[in-house]
């Protein structure tokens, strides 16, 4: 009995795979992520449909499902992209000697990120699903990336004598994320609280947290 040849041979499949443009593939994936961010922010996670994301991205459903099997996968993709960008940002600071400057730049970057008007709605969308294990894990990974990135610079800034040393680097790092997480939560729940208006106050709060040593009463002196 003569075996029939498959329509696609292994060599042909390999040849076709090699024709995929990685840059184009990444750009299209980011286009879907950007469209999904817009829809999640505007409509919330539950109300957002894949059809709405496709319409926003101006793609067909087949293209969407090629990149993301489900709506949950694209939301996870946004969170994972944010974590990757956080890690990359801290990697880019490697070699800098002004540790406190890195910490100030991180705050500025945080404020810039939350200046995107979609972020408030996106935080609300994530809050609606954060109890699900896969989202809880993604959020935990993002928190680890931030804390890990900050800790080394806080330690170096303390060694350089440019920030307070009466609290451990780990505690200061935790408090930095408390401030920025609270900033994000407030933006998500109060329409009148915006990154543009409140960003300077966040910078001042971080400056006061890091700058002076606490006095004997445990209070941080105000300047």
N, C-alpha and C. Protein backbone atom coordinates (compact mmCIF):
# COMPACT_ATOMS: atom_id res chain seq x y z
N UNK A 1 0.84 -1.19 0.00
CA UNK A 1 0.00 0.00 0.00
C UNK A 1 0.88 1.24 0.00
N UNK A 2 0.63 2.15 -0.90
CA UNK A 2 1.44 3.36 -1.03
C UNK A 2 0.92 4.42 -0.07
N UNK A 3 1.83 4.92 0.76
CA UNK A 3 1.44 5.98 1.69
C UNK A 3 1.33 7.30 0.97
N UNK A 4 0.26 8.00 1.26
CA UNK A 4 0.12 9.32 0.65
C UNK A 4 0.99 10.33 1.39
N UNK A 5 1.54 11.29 0.63
CA UNK A 5 2.38 12.31 1.23
C UNK A 5 1.49 13.35 1.90
N UNK A 6 1.90 13.87 3.07
CA UNK A 6 1.12 14.93 3.71
C UNK A 6 1.11 16.18 2.84
N UNK A 7 0.06 16.94 2.95
CA UNK A 7 -0.04 18.16 2.16
C UNK A 7 1.14 19.08 2.46
N UNK A 8 1.50 19.16 3.75
CA UNK A 8 2.64 19.99 4.14
C UNK A 8 3.75 19.08 4.64
N UNK A 9 4.89 19.09 4.02
CA UNK A 9 6.02 18.33 4.51
C UNK A 9 6.69 19.12 5.63
N UNK A 10 7.51 18.41 6.41
CA UNK A 10 8.21 19.08 7.51
C UNK A 10 9.09 20.21 6.99
N UNK A 11 9.71 20.00 5.84
CA UNK A 11 10.56 21.03 5.28
C UNK A 11 9.76 22.27 4.91
N UNK A 12 8.57 22.06 4.35
CA UNK A 12 7.74 23.20 3.94
C UNK A 12 7.23 23.97 5.15
N UNK A 13 6.84 23.23 6.21
CA UNK A 13 6.38 23.89 7.42
C UNK A 13 7.49 24.75 8.00
N UNK A 14 8.70 24.21 8.02
CA UNK A 14 9.85 24.97 8.54
C UNK A 14 10.08 26.22 7.71
N UNK A 15 9.97 26.06 6.37
CA UNK A 15 10.20 27.21 5.48
C UNK A 15 9.17 28.29 5.73
N UNK A 16 7.91 27.91 5.89
CA UNK A 16 6.86 28.89 6.14
C UNK A 16 7.07 29.57 7.48
N UNK A 17 7.45 28.78 8.49
CA UNK A 17 7.66 29.35 9.82
C UNK A 17 8.74 30.41 9.79
N UNK A 18 9.76 30.19 8.96
CA UNK A 18 10.86 31.13 8.90
C UNK A 18 10.47 32.45 8.24
N UNK A 19 9.35 32.43 7.51
CA UNK A 19 8.93 33.66 6.84
C UNK A 19 8.20 34.60 7.78
N UNK A 20 7.87 34.13 8.98
CA UNK A 20 7.19 34.99 9.95
C UNK A 20 8.15 36.08 10.40
N UNK A 21 7.74 37.32 10.29
CA UNK A 21 8.56 38.45 10.68
C UNK A 21 8.37 38.68 12.19
N UNK A 22 9.40 38.43 12.99
CA UNK A 22 9.25 38.58 14.45
C UNK A 22 8.82 39.99 14.85
N UNK A 23 9.35 41.00 14.18
CA UNK A 23 9.00 42.37 14.52
C UNK A 23 7.52 42.64 14.22
N UNK A 24 7.05 42.14 13.09
CA UNK A 24 5.64 42.33 12.74
C UNK A 24 4.74 41.57 13.71
N UNK A 25 5.18 40.37 14.07
CA UNK A 25 4.41 39.55 15.02
C UNK A 25 4.29 40.28 16.35
N UNK A 26 5.41 40.82 16.85
CA UNK A 26 5.39 41.53 18.12
C UNK A 26 4.55 42.79 18.05
N UNK A 27 4.64 43.49 16.91
CA UNK A 27 3.88 44.73 16.75
C UNK A 27 2.38 44.46 16.75
N UNK A 28 1.98 43.39 16.09
CA UNK A 28 0.55 43.06 16.05
C UNK A 28 0.06 42.64 17.43
N UNK A 29 0.87 41.91 18.15
CA UNK A 29 0.50 41.50 19.51
C UNK A 29 0.32 42.74 20.39
N UNK A 30 1.24 43.68 20.26
CA UNK A 30 1.13 44.91 21.04
C UNK A 30 -0.08 45.73 20.64
N UNK A 31 -0.43 45.68 19.36
CA UNK A 31 -1.63 46.39 18.89
C UNK A 31 -2.88 45.83 19.55
N UNK A 32 -2.94 44.51 19.67
CA UNK A 32 -4.09 43.87 20.34
C UNK A 32 -4.10 44.23 21.82
N UNK A 33 -2.93 44.19 22.44
CA UNK A 33 -2.83 44.54 23.86
C UNK A 33 -3.27 45.98 24.09
N UNK A 34 -2.85 46.87 23.23
CA UNK A 34 -3.22 48.28 23.38
C UNK A 34 -4.73 48.47 23.23
N UNK A 35 -5.31 47.77 22.25
CA UNK A 35 -6.76 47.86 22.05
C UNK A 35 -7.51 47.27 23.24
N UNK A 36 -7.02 46.16 23.76
CA UNK A 36 -7.67 45.54 24.92
C UNK A 36 -7.57 46.45 26.13
N UNK A 37 -6.42 47.10 26.32
CA UNK A 37 -6.26 48.04 27.43
C UNK A 37 -7.31 49.14 27.34
N UNK A 38 -7.53 49.63 26.14
CA UNK A 38 -8.53 50.68 25.94
C UNK A 38 -9.93 50.19 26.30
N UNK A 39 -10.29 49.02 25.84
CA UNK A 39 -11.63 48.49 26.10
C UNK A 39 -11.82 48.08 27.57
N UNK A 40 -10.80 47.44 28.17
CA UNK A 40 -10.91 47.08 29.58
C UNK A 40 -11.08 48.33 30.44
N UNK A 41 -10.35 49.38 30.09
CA UNK A 41 -10.43 50.62 30.85
C UNK A 41 -11.79 51.27 30.70
N UNK A 42 -12.34 51.23 29.50
CA UNK A 42 -13.61 51.90 29.23
C UNK A 42 -14.82 51.10 29.70
N UNK A 43 -14.76 49.78 29.53
CA UNK A 43 -15.95 48.95 29.76
C UNK A 43 -15.86 48.02 30.96
N UNK A 44 -14.66 47.86 31.51
CA UNK A 44 -14.47 46.86 32.56
C UNK A 44 -14.20 45.50 31.96
N UNK A 45 -13.63 44.62 32.77
CA UNK A 45 -13.26 43.30 32.24
C UNK A 45 -14.47 42.49 31.81
N UNK A 46 -15.48 42.38 32.67
CA UNK A 46 -16.63 41.52 32.38
C UNK A 46 -17.39 41.98 31.15
N UNK A 47 -17.54 43.29 30.98
CA UNK A 47 -18.33 43.81 29.87
C UNK A 47 -17.57 43.84 28.55
N UNK A 48 -16.28 43.73 28.60
CA UNK A 48 -15.48 43.75 27.37
C UNK A 48 -15.61 42.42 26.64
N UNK A 49 -15.85 42.48 25.35
CA UNK A 49 -15.93 41.26 24.53
C UNK A 49 -14.73 41.20 23.60
N UNK A 50 -14.44 40.01 23.13
CA UNK A 50 -13.35 39.89 22.16
C UNK A 50 -13.71 40.63 20.87
N UNK A 51 -14.99 40.67 20.56
CA UNK A 51 -15.42 41.41 19.36
C UNK A 51 -15.10 42.89 19.50
N UNK A 52 -15.30 43.44 20.71
CA UNK A 52 -15.00 44.85 20.94
C UNK A 52 -13.50 45.11 20.82
N UNK A 53 -12.70 44.18 21.33
CA UNK A 53 -11.24 44.33 21.22
C UNK A 53 -10.82 44.27 19.76
N UNK A 54 -11.41 43.36 19.01
CA UNK A 54 -11.09 43.24 17.58
C UNK A 54 -11.46 44.51 16.82
N UNK A 55 -12.61 45.07 17.16
CA UNK A 55 -13.04 46.30 16.50
C UNK A 55 -12.10 47.44 16.82
N UNK A 56 -11.68 47.52 18.09
CA UNK A 56 -10.75 48.57 18.50
C UNK A 56 -9.41 48.43 17.79
N UNK A 57 -8.95 47.19 17.64
CA UNK A 57 -7.66 46.93 16.99
C UNK A 57 -7.77 46.88 15.47
N UNK A 58 -9.00 46.84 14.97
CA UNK A 58 -9.25 46.73 13.54
C UNK A 58 -8.64 45.47 12.95
N UNK A 59 -8.97 44.36 13.62
CA UNK A 59 -8.50 43.05 13.17
C UNK A 59 -9.68 42.09 13.18
N UNK A 60 -9.51 40.96 12.53
CA UNK A 60 -10.53 39.92 12.55
C UNK A 60 -10.37 39.04 13.78
N UNK A 61 -11.42 38.30 14.09
CA UNK A 61 -11.37 37.44 15.27
C UNK A 61 -10.31 36.36 15.13
N UNK A 62 -10.09 35.90 13.90
CA UNK A 62 -9.07 34.87 13.69
C UNK A 62 -7.70 35.36 14.10
N UNK A 63 -7.41 36.61 13.79
CA UNK A 63 -6.12 37.19 14.18
C UNK A 63 -6.02 37.27 15.69
N UNK A 64 -7.10 37.72 16.33
CA UNK A 64 -7.08 37.81 17.79
C UNK A 64 -6.77 36.45 18.42
N UNK A 65 -7.51 35.43 18.01
CA UNK A 65 -7.35 34.12 18.64
C UNK A 65 -6.03 33.45 18.28
N UNK A 66 -5.38 33.93 17.24
CA UNK A 66 -4.04 33.44 16.91
C UNK A 66 -3.05 33.86 18.00
N UNK A 67 -3.28 35.05 18.56
CA UNK A 67 -2.36 35.57 19.57
C UNK A 67 -2.82 35.27 21.00
N UNK A 68 -4.12 35.29 21.23
CA UNK A 68 -4.65 35.11 22.58
C UNK A 68 -5.86 34.18 22.53
N UNK A 69 -5.76 33.00 23.15
CA UNK A 69 -6.88 32.05 23.11
C UNK A 69 -8.16 32.56 23.77
N UNK A 70 -8.02 33.40 24.81
CA UNK A 70 -9.19 33.88 25.53
C UNK A 70 -9.01 35.34 25.91
N UNK A 71 -10.10 35.94 26.36
CA UNK A 71 -10.06 37.31 26.86
C UNK A 71 -9.15 37.40 28.10
N UNK A 72 -9.20 36.37 28.94
CA UNK A 72 -8.35 36.36 30.14
C UNK A 72 -6.88 36.37 29.76
N UNK A 73 -6.53 35.69 28.68
CA UNK A 73 -5.14 35.63 28.25
C UNK A 73 -4.61 37.00 27.84
N UNK A 74 -5.45 37.81 27.23
CA UNK A 74 -4.97 39.12 26.82
C UNK A 74 -4.81 40.03 28.03
N UNK A 75 -5.68 39.91 29.02
CA UNK A 75 -5.51 40.70 30.24
C UNK A 75 -4.23 40.28 30.97
N UNK A 76 -3.99 38.98 31.03
CA UNK A 76 -2.74 38.49 31.60
C UNK A 76 -1.55 38.99 30.80
N UNK A 77 -1.73 39.06 29.49
CA UNK A 77 -0.66 39.57 28.63
C UNK A 77 -0.30 41.01 28.96
N UNK A 78 -1.31 41.82 29.26
CA UNK A 78 -1.05 43.21 29.64
C UNK A 78 -0.26 43.26 30.94
N UNK A 79 -0.68 42.46 31.93
CA UNK A 79 0.02 42.44 33.21
C UNK A 79 1.46 41.95 33.05
N UNK A 80 1.64 40.92 32.25
CA UNK A 80 2.98 40.37 32.05
C UNK A 80 3.87 41.35 31.29
N UNK A 81 3.28 42.10 30.36
CA UNK A 81 4.05 43.11 29.65
C UNK A 81 4.51 44.20 30.62
N UNK A 82 3.61 44.60 31.53
CA UNK A 82 3.99 45.60 32.52
C UNK A 82 5.13 45.11 33.40
N UNK A 83 5.09 43.84 33.80
CA UNK A 83 6.17 43.28 34.62
C UNK A 83 7.48 43.26 33.84
N UNK A 84 7.42 42.88 32.57
CA UNK A 84 8.62 42.85 31.74
C UNK A 84 9.20 44.25 31.57
N UNK A 85 8.33 45.25 31.42
CA UNK A 85 8.80 46.63 31.27
C UNK A 85 9.43 47.13 32.56
N UNK A 86 8.89 46.73 33.71
CA UNK A 86 9.48 47.11 34.99
C UNK A 86 10.88 46.53 35.12
N UNK A 87 11.01 45.24 34.82
CA UNK A 87 12.33 44.59 34.89
C UNK A 87 13.30 45.25 33.93
N UNK A 88 12.86 45.53 32.71
CA UNK A 88 13.72 46.16 31.72
C UNK A 88 14.15 47.56 32.17
N UNK A 89 13.22 48.30 32.79
CA UNK A 89 13.56 49.65 33.24
C UNK A 89 14.69 49.62 34.27
N UNK A 90 14.57 48.73 35.23
CA UNK A 90 15.63 48.65 36.24
C UNK A 90 16.93 48.13 35.64
N UNK A 91 16.85 47.22 34.69
CA UNK A 91 18.06 46.74 34.02
C UNK A 91 18.78 47.88 33.30
N UNK A 92 18.01 48.80 32.74
CA UNK A 92 18.59 49.94 32.02
C UNK A 92 19.33 50.91 32.93
N UNK A 93 19.05 50.85 34.23
CA UNK A 93 19.72 51.75 35.17
C UNK A 93 21.08 51.21 35.61
N UNK A 94 21.38 49.99 35.21
CA UNK A 94 22.63 49.35 35.62
C UNK A 94 23.83 50.23 35.27
N UNK A 95 24.72 50.37 36.23
CA UNK A 95 25.92 51.17 36.01
C UNK A 95 25.82 52.59 36.53
N UNK A 96 24.63 53.04 36.85
CA UNK A 96 24.47 54.39 37.40
C UNK A 96 25.04 54.45 38.82
N UNK A 97 25.59 55.59 39.17
CA UNK A 97 26.17 55.74 40.50
C UNK A 97 25.26 56.52 41.44
N UNK A 98 24.34 57.31 40.89
CA UNK A 98 23.45 58.13 41.72
C UNK A 98 22.21 57.33 42.10
N UNK A 99 22.32 56.52 43.14
CA UNK A 99 21.22 55.63 43.51
C UNK A 99 19.94 56.40 43.83
N UNK A 100 20.06 57.51 44.55
CA UNK A 100 18.85 58.26 44.89
C UNK A 100 18.24 58.86 43.63
N UNK A 101 19.07 59.15 42.63
CA UNK A 101 18.55 59.64 41.36
C UNK A 101 17.72 58.58 40.65
N UNK A 102 18.14 57.32 40.77
CA UNK A 102 17.37 56.23 40.18
C UNK A 102 16.00 56.14 40.87
N UNK A 103 15.98 56.27 42.17
CA UNK A 103 14.71 56.20 42.91
C UNK A 103 13.79 57.35 42.51
N UNK A 104 14.35 58.54 42.34
CA UNK A 104 13.53 59.67 41.90
C UNK A 104 13.01 59.45 40.48
N UNK A 105 13.87 58.91 39.62
CA UNK A 105 13.44 58.64 38.25
C UNK A 105 12.35 57.59 38.21
N UNK A 106 12.42 56.62 39.14
CA UNK A 106 11.38 55.58 39.20
C UNK A 106 10.04 56.19 39.55
N UNK A 107 10.04 57.11 40.50
CA UNK A 107 8.80 57.80 40.86
C UNK A 107 8.27 58.58 39.67
N UNK A 108 9.15 59.29 38.98
CA UNK A 108 8.73 60.04 37.79
C UNK A 108 8.13 59.12 36.74
N UNK A 109 8.75 57.94 36.55
CA UNK A 109 8.25 56.98 35.58
C UNK A 109 6.87 56.46 36.00
N UNK A 110 6.70 56.22 37.29
CA UNK A 110 5.40 55.76 37.81
C UNK A 110 4.32 56.80 37.53
N UNK A 111 4.64 58.05 37.80
CA UNK A 111 3.67 59.13 37.56
C UNK A 111 3.35 59.22 36.07
N UNK A 112 4.37 59.11 35.24
CA UNK A 112 4.14 59.16 33.79
C UNK A 112 3.24 58.01 33.34
N UNK A 113 3.48 56.82 33.87
CA UNK A 113 2.66 55.66 33.49
C UNK A 113 1.19 55.90 33.84
N UNK A 114 0.95 56.47 35.01
CA UNK A 114 -0.43 56.68 35.45
C UNK A 114 -1.04 57.95 34.90
N UNK A 115 -0.27 58.67 34.09
CA UNK A 115 -0.84 59.81 33.39
C UNK A 115 -1.68 59.36 32.19
N UNK A 116 -1.49 58.11 31.77
CA UNK A 116 -2.34 57.53 30.73
C UNK A 116 -3.75 57.41 31.31
N UNK A 117 -4.70 58.08 30.69
CA UNK A 117 -6.06 58.15 31.24
C UNK A 117 -6.73 56.78 31.32
N UNK A 118 -6.21 55.81 30.60
CA UNK A 118 -6.80 54.48 30.63
C UNK A 118 -6.45 53.70 31.90
N UNK A 119 -5.42 54.16 32.60
CA UNK A 119 -4.91 53.38 33.72
C UNK A 119 -5.93 53.24 34.86
N UNK A 120 -6.71 54.28 35.10
CA UNK A 120 -7.70 54.19 36.18
C UNK A 120 -8.69 53.06 35.91
N UNK A 121 -9.23 53.02 34.70
CA UNK A 121 -10.17 51.97 34.34
C UNK A 121 -9.51 50.61 34.31
N UNK A 122 -8.26 50.56 33.90
CA UNK A 122 -7.55 49.29 33.86
C UNK A 122 -7.34 48.73 35.26
N UNK A 123 -6.97 49.60 36.21
CA UNK A 123 -6.80 49.15 37.59
C UNK A 123 -8.12 48.60 38.13
N UNK A 124 -9.22 49.24 37.80
CA UNK A 124 -10.53 48.73 38.23
C UNK A 124 -10.81 47.37 37.59
N UNK A 125 -10.47 47.22 36.31
CA UNK A 125 -10.70 45.95 35.63
C UNK A 125 -9.90 44.82 36.28
N UNK A 126 -8.66 45.10 36.62
CA UNK A 126 -7.82 44.09 37.26
C UNK A 126 -8.37 43.77 38.65
N UNK A 127 -8.82 44.80 39.36
CA UNK A 127 -9.37 44.59 40.69
C UNK A 127 -10.57 43.66 40.69
N UNK A 128 -11.30 43.64 39.58
CA UNK A 128 -12.50 42.80 39.50
C UNK A 128 -12.16 41.32 39.36
N UNK A 129 -10.92 41.00 38.95
CA UNK A 129 -10.57 39.60 38.72
C UNK A 129 -9.36 39.15 39.53
N UNK A 130 -8.86 40.01 40.39
CA UNK A 130 -7.59 39.70 41.07
C UNK A 130 -7.68 38.52 42.03
N UNK A 131 -8.89 38.09 42.39
CA UNK A 131 -9.02 36.92 43.26
C UNK A 131 -8.81 35.61 42.51
N UNK A 132 -8.85 35.67 41.17
CA UNK A 132 -8.62 34.45 40.39
C UNK A 132 -7.13 34.11 40.45
N UNK A 133 -6.80 32.83 40.64
CA UNK A 133 -5.40 32.44 40.87
C UNK A 133 -4.42 32.94 39.83
N UNK A 134 -4.78 32.88 38.55
CA UNK A 134 -3.83 33.28 37.52
C UNK A 134 -3.52 34.77 37.56
N UNK A 135 -4.53 35.57 37.93
CA UNK A 135 -4.30 37.01 38.03
C UNK A 135 -3.55 37.35 39.32
N UNK A 136 -3.89 36.65 40.39
CA UNK A 136 -3.17 36.86 41.65
C UNK A 136 -1.69 36.56 41.47
N UNK A 137 -1.39 35.49 40.72
CA UNK A 137 0.01 35.13 40.47
C UNK A 137 0.71 36.19 39.62
N UNK A 138 0.01 36.70 38.62
CA UNK A 138 0.59 37.74 37.75
C UNK A 138 0.86 39.01 38.53
N UNK A 139 -0.06 39.39 39.42
CA UNK A 139 0.13 40.58 40.24
C UNK A 139 1.27 40.39 41.23
N UNK A 140 1.39 39.19 41.78
CA UNK A 140 2.49 38.90 42.71
C UNK A 140 3.83 38.98 42.00
N UNK A 141 3.87 38.49 40.75
CA UNK A 141 5.10 38.56 39.97
C UNK A 141 5.48 40.01 39.68
N UNK A 142 4.48 40.82 39.39
CA UNK A 142 4.74 42.24 39.13
C UNK A 142 5.27 42.93 40.39
N UNK A 143 4.69 42.62 41.53
CA UNK A 143 5.15 43.20 42.79
C UNK A 143 6.59 42.78 43.09
N UNK A 144 6.91 41.52 42.84
CA UNK A 144 8.28 41.04 43.08
C UNK A 144 9.27 41.77 42.18
N UNK A 145 8.88 41.99 40.94
CA UNK A 145 9.78 42.68 40.00
C UNK A 145 10.06 44.10 40.49
N UNK A 146 9.04 44.77 40.99
CA UNK A 146 9.22 46.13 41.49
C UNK A 146 10.07 46.14 42.76
N UNK A 147 9.73 45.27 43.71
CA UNK A 147 10.46 45.25 44.97
C UNK A 147 11.93 44.86 44.76
N UNK A 148 12.15 43.87 43.90
CA UNK A 148 13.51 43.44 43.63
C UNK A 148 14.30 44.57 42.96
N UNK A 149 13.65 45.24 42.01
CA UNK A 149 14.33 46.33 41.31
C UNK A 149 14.67 47.48 42.23
N UNK A 150 13.78 47.79 43.16
CA UNK A 150 14.00 48.92 44.07
C UNK A 150 15.03 48.60 45.16
N UNK A 151 15.00 47.40 45.68
CA UNK A 151 15.77 47.07 46.88
C UNK A 151 17.26 47.36 46.71
N UNK A 152 17.83 46.95 45.61
CA UNK A 152 19.26 47.17 45.41
C UNK A 152 19.63 48.65 45.40
N UNK A 153 18.76 49.47 44.81
CA UNK A 153 19.04 50.90 44.73
C UNK A 153 18.83 51.57 46.08
N UNK A 154 17.86 51.11 46.86
CA UNK A 154 17.68 51.64 48.21
C UNK A 154 18.89 51.30 49.07
N UNK A 155 19.38 50.07 48.96
CA UNK A 155 20.56 49.66 49.72
C UNK A 155 21.77 50.52 49.34
N UNK A 156 21.95 50.75 48.04
CA UNK A 156 23.09 51.55 47.58
C UNK A 156 22.95 53.00 48.05
N UNK A 157 21.75 53.54 47.98
CA UNK A 157 21.53 54.92 48.42
C UNK A 157 21.84 55.06 49.90
N UNK A 158 21.50 54.05 50.69
CA UNK A 158 21.84 54.09 52.11
C UNK A 158 23.35 54.04 52.31
N UNK A 159 24.03 53.19 51.54
CA UNK A 159 25.49 53.10 51.64
C UNK A 159 26.15 54.42 51.25
N UNK A 160 25.54 55.13 50.31
CA UNK A 160 26.09 56.41 49.86
C UNK A 160 25.74 57.55 50.79
N UNK A 161 24.89 57.27 51.79
CA UNK A 161 24.50 58.29 52.75
C UNK A 161 23.54 59.31 52.21
N UNK A 162 22.81 58.97 51.14
CA UNK A 162 21.91 59.94 50.51
C UNK A 162 20.45 59.78 50.95
N UNK A 163 20.14 58.72 51.69
CA UNK A 163 18.78 58.56 52.25
C UNK A 163 18.90 58.05 53.69
N UNK A 164 17.81 58.04 54.38
CA UNK A 164 17.77 57.64 55.78
C UNK A 164 18.24 56.19 55.96
N UNK A 165 18.80 55.92 57.14
CA UNK A 165 19.28 54.56 57.43
C UNK A 165 18.67 54.00 58.71
N UNK A 166 17.74 54.77 59.32
CA UNK A 166 17.13 54.27 60.55
C UNK A 166 16.09 53.19 60.28
N UNK A 167 15.67 53.03 59.04
CA UNK A 167 14.81 51.92 58.61
C UNK A 167 15.62 51.03 57.68
N UNK A 168 15.34 49.74 57.71
CA UNK A 168 16.06 48.84 56.82
C UNK A 168 15.68 49.12 55.36
N UNK A 169 16.54 48.70 54.47
CA UNK A 169 16.25 48.87 53.04
C UNK A 169 14.97 48.15 52.65
N UNK A 170 14.75 46.99 53.25
CA UNK A 170 13.54 46.22 52.92
C UNK A 170 12.28 46.97 53.35
N UNK A 171 12.32 47.59 54.54
CA UNK A 171 11.15 48.34 55.00
C UNK A 171 10.91 49.58 54.13
N UNK A 172 11.98 50.28 53.79
CA UNK A 172 11.83 51.45 52.93
C UNK A 172 11.27 51.05 51.57
N UNK A 173 11.75 49.94 51.05
CA UNK A 173 11.25 49.46 49.76
C UNK A 173 9.76 49.15 49.84
N UNK A 174 9.36 48.49 50.93
CA UNK A 174 7.94 48.18 51.11
C UNK A 174 7.11 49.46 51.18
N UNK A 175 7.61 50.47 51.88
CA UNK A 175 6.86 51.71 52.00
C UNK A 175 6.80 52.48 50.68
N UNK A 176 7.83 52.37 49.88
CA UNK A 176 7.77 53.00 48.55
C UNK A 176 6.63 52.39 47.73
N UNK A 177 6.49 51.08 47.79
CA UNK A 177 5.41 50.44 47.03
C UNK A 177 4.05 50.69 47.66
N UNK A 178 4.01 50.87 48.99
CA UNK A 178 2.75 51.25 49.63
C UNK A 178 2.28 52.59 49.07
N UNK A 179 3.19 53.55 48.94
CA UNK A 179 2.84 54.87 48.42
C UNK A 179 2.36 54.78 46.97
N UNK A 180 3.09 54.05 46.14
CA UNK A 180 2.71 54.00 44.73
C UNK A 180 1.47 53.15 44.49
N UNK A 181 1.31 52.07 45.27
CA UNK A 181 0.09 51.27 45.14
C UNK A 181 -1.13 52.07 45.59
N UNK A 182 -0.97 52.81 46.67
CA UNK A 182 -2.07 53.66 47.13
C UNK A 182 -2.41 54.74 46.14
N UNK A 183 -1.39 55.29 45.51
CA UNK A 183 -1.57 56.30 44.46
C UNK A 183 -2.41 55.72 43.32
N UNK A 184 -2.06 54.50 42.90
CA UNK A 184 -2.80 53.85 41.82
C UNK A 184 -4.24 53.56 42.22
N UNK A 185 -4.43 53.07 43.43
CA UNK A 185 -5.78 52.75 43.89
C UNK A 185 -6.65 54.00 43.96
N UNK A 186 -6.07 55.11 44.41
CA UNK A 186 -6.84 56.34 44.51
C UNK A 186 -7.22 56.86 43.13
N UNK A 187 -6.30 56.77 42.19
CA UNK A 187 -6.61 57.18 40.82
C UNK A 187 -7.78 56.36 40.27
N UNK A 188 -7.83 55.07 40.64
CA UNK A 188 -8.87 54.19 40.13
C UNK A 188 -10.23 54.45 40.75
N UNK A 189 -10.26 55.04 41.95
CA UNK A 189 -11.53 55.19 42.66
C UNK A 189 -12.03 56.62 42.77
N UNK A 190 -11.18 57.58 42.41
CA UNK A 190 -11.55 59.00 42.55
C UNK A 190 -11.25 59.71 41.24
N UNK A 191 -12.29 60.07 40.50
CA UNK A 191 -12.10 60.73 39.21
C UNK A 191 -11.37 62.06 39.33
N UNK A 192 -11.47 62.69 40.49
CA UNK A 192 -10.81 63.98 40.68
C UNK A 192 -9.34 63.87 41.07
N UNK A 193 -8.90 62.64 41.31
CA UNK A 193 -7.51 62.39 41.72
C UNK A 193 -6.74 61.93 40.49
N UNK A 194 -5.90 62.79 39.94
CA UNK A 194 -5.20 62.46 38.71
C UNK A 194 -3.68 62.50 38.91
N UNK A 195 -2.99 61.77 38.06
CA UNK A 195 -1.53 61.74 38.14
C UNK A 195 -0.95 63.12 37.89
N UNK A 196 -1.55 63.85 36.97
CA UNK A 196 -1.03 65.18 36.66
C UNK A 196 -1.12 66.13 37.83
N UNK A 197 -2.25 66.09 38.54
CA UNK A 197 -2.46 67.00 39.66
C UNK A 197 -1.75 66.53 40.93
N UNK A 198 -1.75 65.24 41.18
CA UNK A 198 -1.26 64.70 42.44
C UNK A 198 0.16 64.14 42.36
N UNK A 199 0.71 64.05 41.17
CA UNK A 199 2.07 63.55 41.02
C UNK A 199 3.08 64.31 41.86
N UNK A 200 3.05 65.65 41.86
CA UNK A 200 4.01 66.40 42.69
C UNK A 200 3.91 66.06 44.17
N UNK A 201 2.70 65.76 44.65
CA UNK A 201 2.53 65.40 46.06
C UNK A 201 3.17 64.04 46.32
N UNK A 202 3.02 63.11 45.37
CA UNK A 202 3.67 61.80 45.51
C UNK A 202 5.18 61.96 45.56
N UNK A 203 5.73 62.81 44.70
CA UNK A 203 7.18 63.05 44.73
C UNK A 203 7.61 63.59 46.09
N UNK A 204 6.83 64.52 46.63
CA UNK A 204 7.16 65.10 47.92
C UNK A 204 7.07 64.05 49.03
N UNK A 205 6.05 63.20 48.96
CA UNK A 205 5.90 62.15 49.97
C UNK A 205 7.09 61.20 49.95
N UNK A 206 7.55 60.84 48.76
CA UNK A 206 8.70 59.95 48.63
C UNK A 206 9.96 60.65 49.15
N UNK A 207 10.10 61.93 48.82
CA UNK A 207 11.26 62.69 49.30
C UNK A 207 11.29 62.71 50.82
N UNK A 208 10.13 62.94 51.44
CA UNK A 208 10.06 62.98 52.90
C UNK A 208 10.31 61.61 53.52
N UNK A 209 9.84 60.57 52.84
CA UNK A 209 10.06 59.21 53.34
C UNK A 209 11.55 58.86 53.31
N UNK A 210 12.22 59.19 52.23
CA UNK A 210 13.60 58.77 52.05
C UNK A 210 14.61 59.72 52.66
N UNK A 211 14.25 61.01 52.67
CA UNK A 211 15.27 62.01 52.94
C UNK A 211 15.86 62.04 54.33
N UNK A 212 15.14 62.58 55.30
CA UNK A 212 15.75 62.77 56.62
C UNK A 212 15.65 61.55 57.51
N UNK A 213 16.53 61.52 58.51
CA UNK A 213 16.43 60.47 59.54
C UNK A 213 15.24 60.80 60.46
N UNK A 214 14.66 59.78 61.07
CA UNK A 214 13.60 60.03 62.05
C UNK A 214 14.25 60.57 63.32
N UNK A 215 13.54 61.44 64.03
CA UNK A 215 14.07 61.94 65.29
C UNK A 215 13.78 60.95 66.41
N UNK A 216 14.11 61.29 67.66
CA UNK A 216 13.98 60.34 68.77
C UNK A 216 12.55 59.91 69.01
N UNK A 217 11.58 60.73 68.61
CA UNK A 217 10.17 60.37 68.81
C UNK A 217 9.68 59.38 67.77
N UNK A 218 10.50 59.17 66.73
CA UNK A 218 10.09 58.29 65.66
C UNK A 218 9.42 59.01 64.52
N UNK A 219 9.24 60.33 64.68
CA UNK A 219 8.61 61.12 63.62
C UNK A 219 9.66 61.58 62.63
N UNK A 220 9.24 61.74 61.38
CA UNK A 220 10.14 62.28 60.37
C UNK A 220 10.00 63.79 60.36
N UNK A 221 11.07 64.53 60.61
CA UNK A 221 10.99 65.99 60.63
C UNK A 221 10.54 66.51 59.27
N UNK A 222 9.71 67.52 59.27
CA UNK A 222 9.27 68.15 58.02
C UNK A 222 10.19 69.30 57.68
N UNK A 223 10.48 69.45 56.42
CA UNK A 223 11.34 70.56 55.98
C UNK A 223 10.50 71.64 55.33
